[in-house]
N, C-alpha and C. Protein backbone atom coordinates (compact mmCIF):
# COMPACT_ATOMS: atom_id res chain seq x y z
N MET A 1 148.26 79.28 126.07
CA MET A 1 146.90 79.63 125.83
C MET A 1 146.87 79.33 124.47
N ILE A 2 148.25 79.10 123.54
CA ILE A 2 148.08 78.42 121.90
C ILE A 2 147.45 77.01 122.29
N ALA A 3 148.18 76.15 123.25
CA ALA A 3 147.42 74.90 123.33
C ALA A 3 145.71 74.91 124.03
N LEU A 4 145.94 75.72 124.41
CA LEU A 4 144.20 75.54 125.30
C LEU A 4 143.52 76.05 124.14
N THR A 5 143.62 76.88 123.30
CA THR A 5 142.80 77.67 122.39
C THR A 5 142.82 76.01 121.38
N ARG A 6 143.65 75.54 120.65
CA ARG A 6 143.87 74.22 119.92
C ARG A 6 142.71 73.35 120.72
N GLN A 7 142.70 73.14 121.96
CA GLN A 7 142.29 72.12 122.50
C GLN A 7 140.43 72.26 122.49
N VAL A 8 140.38 73.53 122.99
CA VAL A 8 138.74 73.94 123.40
C VAL A 8 138.43 73.75 121.89
N ALA A 9 139.40 74.51 120.88
CA ALA A 9 138.69 74.24 119.26
C ALA A 9 138.41 73.08 118.88
N SER A 10 139.34 72.20 119.11
CA SER A 10 138.80 70.57 119.04
C SER A 10 137.72 69.68 119.40
N GLU A 11 137.22 70.58 120.62
CA GLU A 11 136.03 70.26 121.31
C GLU A 11 135.12 70.36 120.82
N VAL A 12 134.51 71.76 120.36
CA VAL A 12 133.68 72.43 120.54
C VAL A 12 133.47 72.73 119.08
N GLY A 13 134.14 72.22 117.91
CA GLY A 13 133.73 72.64 116.65
C GLY A 13 132.44 71.94 116.28
N ARG A 14 132.45 70.80 116.38
CA ARG A 14 131.52 70.00 115.98
C ARG A 14 129.91 70.65 116.46
N HIS A 15 129.96 71.63 117.22
CA HIS A 15 128.55 72.39 117.67
C HIS A 15 128.37 73.52 116.98
N GLY A 16 129.59 74.03 115.93
CA GLY A 16 129.43 75.32 115.26
C GLY A 16 130.27 76.57 116.05
N VAL A 17 130.88 76.37 117.17
CA VAL A 17 131.63 77.05 117.96
C VAL A 17 133.05 76.90 117.62
N ARG A 18 133.59 78.67 117.06
CA ARG A 18 135.21 78.81 116.56
C ARG A 18 135.76 79.04 117.82
N VAL A 19 137.12 78.36 117.75
CA VAL A 19 137.80 79.34 119.27
C VAL A 19 139.06 79.92 118.42
N ASN A 20 139.73 80.87 118.80
CA ASN A 20 140.83 81.34 118.18
C ASN A 20 141.82 82.24 119.13
N CYS A 21 142.26 82.57 119.01
CA CYS A 21 143.34 83.49 119.82
C CYS A 21 144.12 84.72 119.05
N LEU A 22 144.64 85.59 119.91
CA LEU A 22 145.45 86.31 118.95
C LEU A 22 146.79 86.51 119.78
N ALA A 23 147.66 86.81 119.31
CA ALA A 23 149.26 86.85 119.88
C ALA A 23 149.97 88.31 119.48
N PRO A 24 149.62 88.87 120.32
CA PRO A 24 150.13 90.80 120.25
C PRO A 24 151.58 90.91 120.60
N HIS A 25 152.26 91.67 119.60
CA HIS A 25 153.51 92.17 120.37
C HIS A 25 152.87 93.60 121.07
N THR A 26 154.19 94.57 121.36
CA THR A 26 153.88 95.61 122.00
C THR A 26 152.80 96.43 121.39
N ILE A 27 151.89 96.74 122.46
CA ILE A 27 150.89 97.44 121.54
C ILE A 27 150.91 98.97 122.22
N LEU A 28 150.88 100.01 121.23
CA LEU A 28 150.97 101.39 121.65
C LEU A 28 149.60 101.82 122.65
N THR A 29 149.66 101.21 123.65
CA THR A 29 148.30 102.14 124.16
C THR A 29 148.83 103.05 125.04
N GLU A 30 147.61 103.65 125.73
CA GLU A 30 148.10 105.04 126.16
C GLU A 30 149.37 105.03 127.73
N ARG A 31 148.55 103.83 128.34
CA ARG A 31 149.49 103.22 129.49
C ARG A 31 151.04 103.30 128.73
N ILE A 32 151.18 102.35 127.81
CA ILE A 32 152.55 102.02 127.55
C ILE A 32 153.28 103.28 127.06
N ALA A 33 152.61 104.41 126.26
CA ALA A 33 153.10 105.74 125.63
C ALA A 33 153.46 106.21 127.04
N THR A 34 152.66 106.28 127.85
CA THR A 34 152.92 107.38 129.73
C THR A 34 154.28 106.54 130.06
N LEU A 35 154.75 105.07 129.71
CA LEU A 35 155.69 104.75 131.05
C LEU A 35 156.94 104.18 129.83
N MET A 36 157.02 104.19 128.33
CA MET A 36 157.90 103.95 127.84
C MET A 36 158.80 104.99 127.34
N SER A 37 159.97 105.08 127.55
CA SER A 37 160.71 106.22 126.98
C SER A 37 160.67 106.14 125.78
N GLU A 38 161.13 107.39 124.98
CA GLU A 38 160.84 107.30 123.33
C GLU A 38 162.51 106.96 122.83
N ASP A 39 163.32 106.71 123.86
CA ASP A 39 164.79 105.85 123.41
C ASP A 39 164.19 104.48 123.17
N ARG A 40 163.55 103.59 124.56
CA ARG A 40 162.89 102.56 124.14
C ARG A 40 162.06 101.86 123.46
N ARG A 41 161.01 102.87 122.89
CA ARG A 41 159.87 102.75 121.85
C ARG A 41 160.63 102.65 120.85
N GLN A 42 161.86 103.36 119.95
CA GLN A 42 162.44 103.36 119.24
C GLN A 42 163.22 102.18 119.09
N GLN A 43 163.78 101.41 119.85
CA GLN A 43 164.65 100.78 119.94
C GLN A 43 163.48 99.31 119.60
N LEU A 44 162.78 99.15 120.25
CA LEU A 44 161.36 98.08 120.00
C LEU A 44 160.79 98.23 118.31
N GLN A 45 160.62 99.47 117.88
CA GLN A 45 159.96 99.70 116.08
C GLN A 45 161.03 98.98 116.02
N ASN A 46 162.65 99.50 116.26
CA ASN A 46 163.59 99.06 115.05
C ASN A 46 163.70 97.58 115.04
N THR A 47 163.31 96.73 115.74
CA THR A 47 163.20 95.54 115.91
C THR A 47 161.69 95.18 115.10
N ILE A 48 161.04 95.70 114.28
CA ILE A 48 159.82 95.10 114.15
C ILE A 48 159.67 95.46 112.63
N PRO A 49 159.43 94.53 111.94
CA PRO A 49 159.85 95.02 110.26
C PRO A 49 158.90 95.59 109.52
N LEU A 50 157.77 96.10 110.45
CA LEU A 50 156.69 97.37 110.00
C LEU A 50 157.27 98.98 110.78
N GLY A 51 158.05 98.27 111.16
CA GLY A 51 158.71 99.88 111.64
C GLY A 51 157.86 100.49 112.47
N ARG A 52 156.88 100.10 113.23
CA ARG A 52 156.14 100.73 114.42
C ARG A 52 155.48 99.70 115.41
N LEU A 53 155.15 100.02 116.52
CA LEU A 53 154.18 99.41 117.45
C LEU A 53 152.92 99.66 116.99
N GLY A 54 152.29 98.29 117.39
CA GLY A 54 150.87 97.71 117.04
C GLY A 54 150.14 99.10 117.73
N THR A 55 149.15 99.07 117.38
CA THR A 55 147.58 99.85 118.46
C THR A 55 146.58 98.89 118.50
N PRO A 56 145.69 99.39 119.55
CA PRO A 56 144.72 98.92 120.23
C PRO A 56 143.69 98.05 118.58
N ASP A 57 143.57 99.36 117.56
CA ASP A 57 142.84 99.35 116.41
C ASP A 57 143.80 97.83 115.66
N ASP A 58 144.42 97.82 115.98
CA ASP A 58 145.00 96.80 114.73
C ASP A 58 145.36 95.34 115.37
N VAL A 59 144.99 95.36 116.70
CA VAL A 59 144.25 93.88 117.68
C VAL A 59 142.93 94.06 116.98
N ALA A 60 142.57 95.19 117.44
CA ALA A 60 140.81 95.09 117.15
C ALA A 60 140.43 94.67 115.90
N ALA A 61 141.08 94.80 114.88
CA ALA A 61 140.88 94.53 113.66
C ALA A 61 140.99 93.24 113.25
N ALA A 62 142.11 92.50 114.10
CA ALA A 62 142.51 91.02 114.10
C ALA A 62 141.24 90.39 114.32
N ALA A 63 140.88 90.89 115.53
CA ALA A 63 139.96 90.16 116.29
C ALA A 63 138.40 89.78 115.32
N ALA A 64 138.17 91.27 114.78
CA ALA A 64 136.85 91.48 113.66
C ALA A 64 137.22 90.71 112.56
N PHE A 65 137.82 90.72 112.05
CA PHE A 65 138.48 89.36 111.25
C PHE A 65 137.84 87.78 111.79
N LEU A 66 138.41 87.63 112.73
CA LEU A 66 138.43 86.15 113.05
C LEU A 66 137.12 86.21 113.34
N ALA A 67 135.96 86.91 113.88
CA ALA A 67 134.64 86.78 114.52
C ALA A 67 133.75 87.00 113.12
N SER A 68 134.30 87.43 111.65
CA SER A 68 133.35 87.66 110.54
C SER A 68 133.44 86.54 109.58
N ASP A 69 132.16 86.29 109.22
CA ASP A 69 132.28 85.09 108.04
C ASP A 69 133.21 84.71 107.25
N SER A 70 134.17 86.15 107.28
CA SER A 70 135.63 85.68 106.23
C SER A 70 136.39 84.76 107.11
N ALA A 71 136.34 84.48 108.17
CA ALA A 71 136.80 83.98 109.13
C ALA A 71 136.26 82.44 109.33
N SER A 72 135.57 82.27 109.06
CA SER A 72 134.58 81.24 108.87
C SER A 72 134.98 79.50 108.98
N TRP A 73 135.99 79.49 108.37
CA TRP A 73 136.82 78.10 108.01
C TRP A 73 137.88 78.21 108.94
N LEU A 74 138.08 79.05 110.03
CA LEU A 74 138.99 79.04 110.67
C LEU A 74 138.67 78.80 112.33
N THR A 75 139.69 77.96 112.61
CA THR A 75 139.39 77.57 114.06
C THR A 75 140.89 76.95 115.09
N GLY A 76 141.20 77.27 116.06
CA GLY A 76 142.14 77.07 116.74
C GLY A 76 143.06 77.80 116.12
N VAL A 77 142.97 78.28 115.35
CA VAL A 77 144.43 79.48 115.06
C VAL A 77 144.84 80.34 115.91
N THR A 78 146.28 80.90 116.05
CA THR A 78 146.71 82.11 116.64
C THR A 78 147.86 82.78 115.76
N PRO A 79 147.12 84.14 115.38
CA PRO A 79 147.53 84.58 114.73
C PRO A 79 148.76 86.06 115.66
N ASP A 80 149.59 86.06 114.58
CA ASP A 80 150.45 86.71 115.39
C ASP A 80 150.28 88.23 114.85
N VAL A 81 149.77 88.88 115.65
CA VAL A 81 149.68 90.96 115.72
C VAL A 81 150.85 91.40 116.11
N THR A 82 152.04 91.29 115.10
CA THR A 82 153.44 91.29 115.74
C THR A 82 153.99 92.60 114.70
N GLY A 83 153.08 92.76 113.59
CA GLY A 83 153.93 93.50 112.51
C GLY A 83 155.31 93.00 111.96
N GLY A 84 154.80 91.74 112.12
CA GLY A 84 156.42 90.66 111.52
C GLY A 84 157.34 90.47 112.24
N HIS A 85 157.15 91.17 113.84
CA HIS A 85 158.36 90.61 114.79
C HIS A 85 158.57 89.46 114.35
N VAL A 86 157.52 88.18 114.78
CA VAL A 86 158.07 87.15 115.15
C VAL A 86 159.24 86.62 113.66
N MET A 87 159.14 87.14 112.93
CA MET A 87 159.85 87.07 111.47
C MET A 87 161.37 87.05 111.95
N THR A 88 161.62 87.84 112.60
CA THR A 88 163.00 88.27 112.60
C THR A 88 163.67 87.31 113.69
């Protein structure tokens, strides 16, 4: 997906189209909350530097940023929406 994002971004950028991708870690949706045991949730949270699972709002905020004028010079990028998990 990352390679596809970069390729498409390089092809359509000259037309003013920005193409980006998000790479979230485990997101605490209603379904995950129902299916995941509290012990497993705690294990995952312990691997994340910010100490919690992501929420749908975390991903939405990252998407809103990429769609905003504040990100007008960004294309072909894939931010890790992981609470710092990829740093560990």
